[in-house]
Amino acid sequence: MRPTLPSLHTLAAAIDRDRDAVIAGLTLPWNSGVVEGHVSRIKMLNRQMLGRAGLQLLRERVLLA
């Protein structure tokens, strides 16, 4: 009897649905590394503030950093 792996089936179905995007991501020379770096930096700044301030302060910190 073979074990069932529902999580693997879900992942395979999602990859199949986005086949064009997956192929493009694996074959094209472009990447979003710079954008991901900026997103990570903003998330880090947001975590440092621990919800003590609103969007305005986060905006100021992002623009000044």
Protein backbone atom coordinates (compact mmCIF):
# COMPACT_ATOMS: atom_id res chain seq x y z
CA MET A 1 0.00 0.00 0.00
CA ARG A 2 1.40 3.39 -1.01
CA PRO A 3 1.20 6.30 1.43
CA THR A 4 -0.87 9.28 0.38
CA LEU A 5 0.75 12.70 0.49
CA PRO A 6 -2.03 15.31 0.26
CA SER A 7 0.38 18.24 0.68
CA LEU A 8 2.46 17.02 -2.24
CA HIS A 9 -0.65 16.66 -4.39
CA THR A 10 -1.69 20.22 -3.49
CA LEU A 11 1.76 21.56 -4.40
CA ALA A 12 1.79 19.67 -7.69
CA ALA A 13 -1.67 21.00 -8.58
CA ALA A 14 -0.61 24.58 -7.81
CA ILE A 15 2.53 24.23 -9.93
CA ASP A 16 0.46 22.80 -12.76
CA ARG A 17 -2.02 25.71 -12.57
CA ASP A 18 0.84 28.23 -12.77
CA ARG A 19 2.90 26.28 -15.27
CA ASP A 20 3.75 29.31 -17.45
CA ALA A 21 4.96 31.33 -14.46
CA VAL A 22 7.02 28.41 -13.15
CA ILE A 23 8.67 27.86 -16.53
CA ALA A 24 9.40 31.59 -16.88
CA GLY A 25 10.87 31.72 -13.38
CA LEU A 26 13.18 28.81 -14.10
CA THR A 27 14.29 29.81 -17.59
CA LEU A 28 14.36 33.60 -17.93
CA PRO A 29 17.46 35.55 -16.88
CA TRP A 30 15.52 38.19 -14.90
CA ASN A 31 14.78 37.99 -11.21
CA SER A 32 13.16 40.06 -8.49
CA GLY A 33 16.05 39.87 -6.02
CA VAL A 34 16.36 43.64 -5.58
CA VAL A 35 12.64 44.03 -4.95
CA GLU A 36 12.67 41.14 -2.47
CA GLY A 37 15.55 42.82 -0.64
CA HIS A 38 13.54 46.02 -0.26
CA VAL A 39 10.48 44.09 0.94
CA SER A 40 12.61 42.26 3.52
CA ARG A 41 14.08 45.56 4.74
CA ILE A 42 10.62 47.12 5.14
CA LYS A 43 9.36 44.06 7.00
CA MET A 44 12.38 44.24 9.32
CA LEU A 45 11.72 47.92 10.06
CA ASN A 46 8.07 47.14 10.73
CA ARG A 47 9.00 44.31 13.13
CA GLN A 48 11.41 46.59 14.99
CA MET A 49 8.59 49.00 15.74
CA LEU A 50 6.46 46.18 17.21
CA GLY A 51 3.18 47.87 16.32
CA ARG A 52 3.99 50.97 18.40
CA ALA A 53 3.40 53.39 15.58
CA GLY A 54 1.27 53.73 12.52
CA LEU A 55 1.87 53.77 8.82
CA GLN A 56 3.16 57.36 8.84
CA LEU A 57 6.16 56.49 11.06
CA LEU A 58 6.92 53.38 9.00
CA ARG A 59 6.83 55.54 5.86
CA GLU A 60 9.28 58.03 7.43
CA ARG A 61 11.66 55.25 8.48
CA VAL A 62 11.57 53.63 5.04
CA LEU A 63 12.26 56.91 3.28
CA LEU A 64 15.08 57.88 5.68
CA ALA A 65 16.75 54.45 5.82
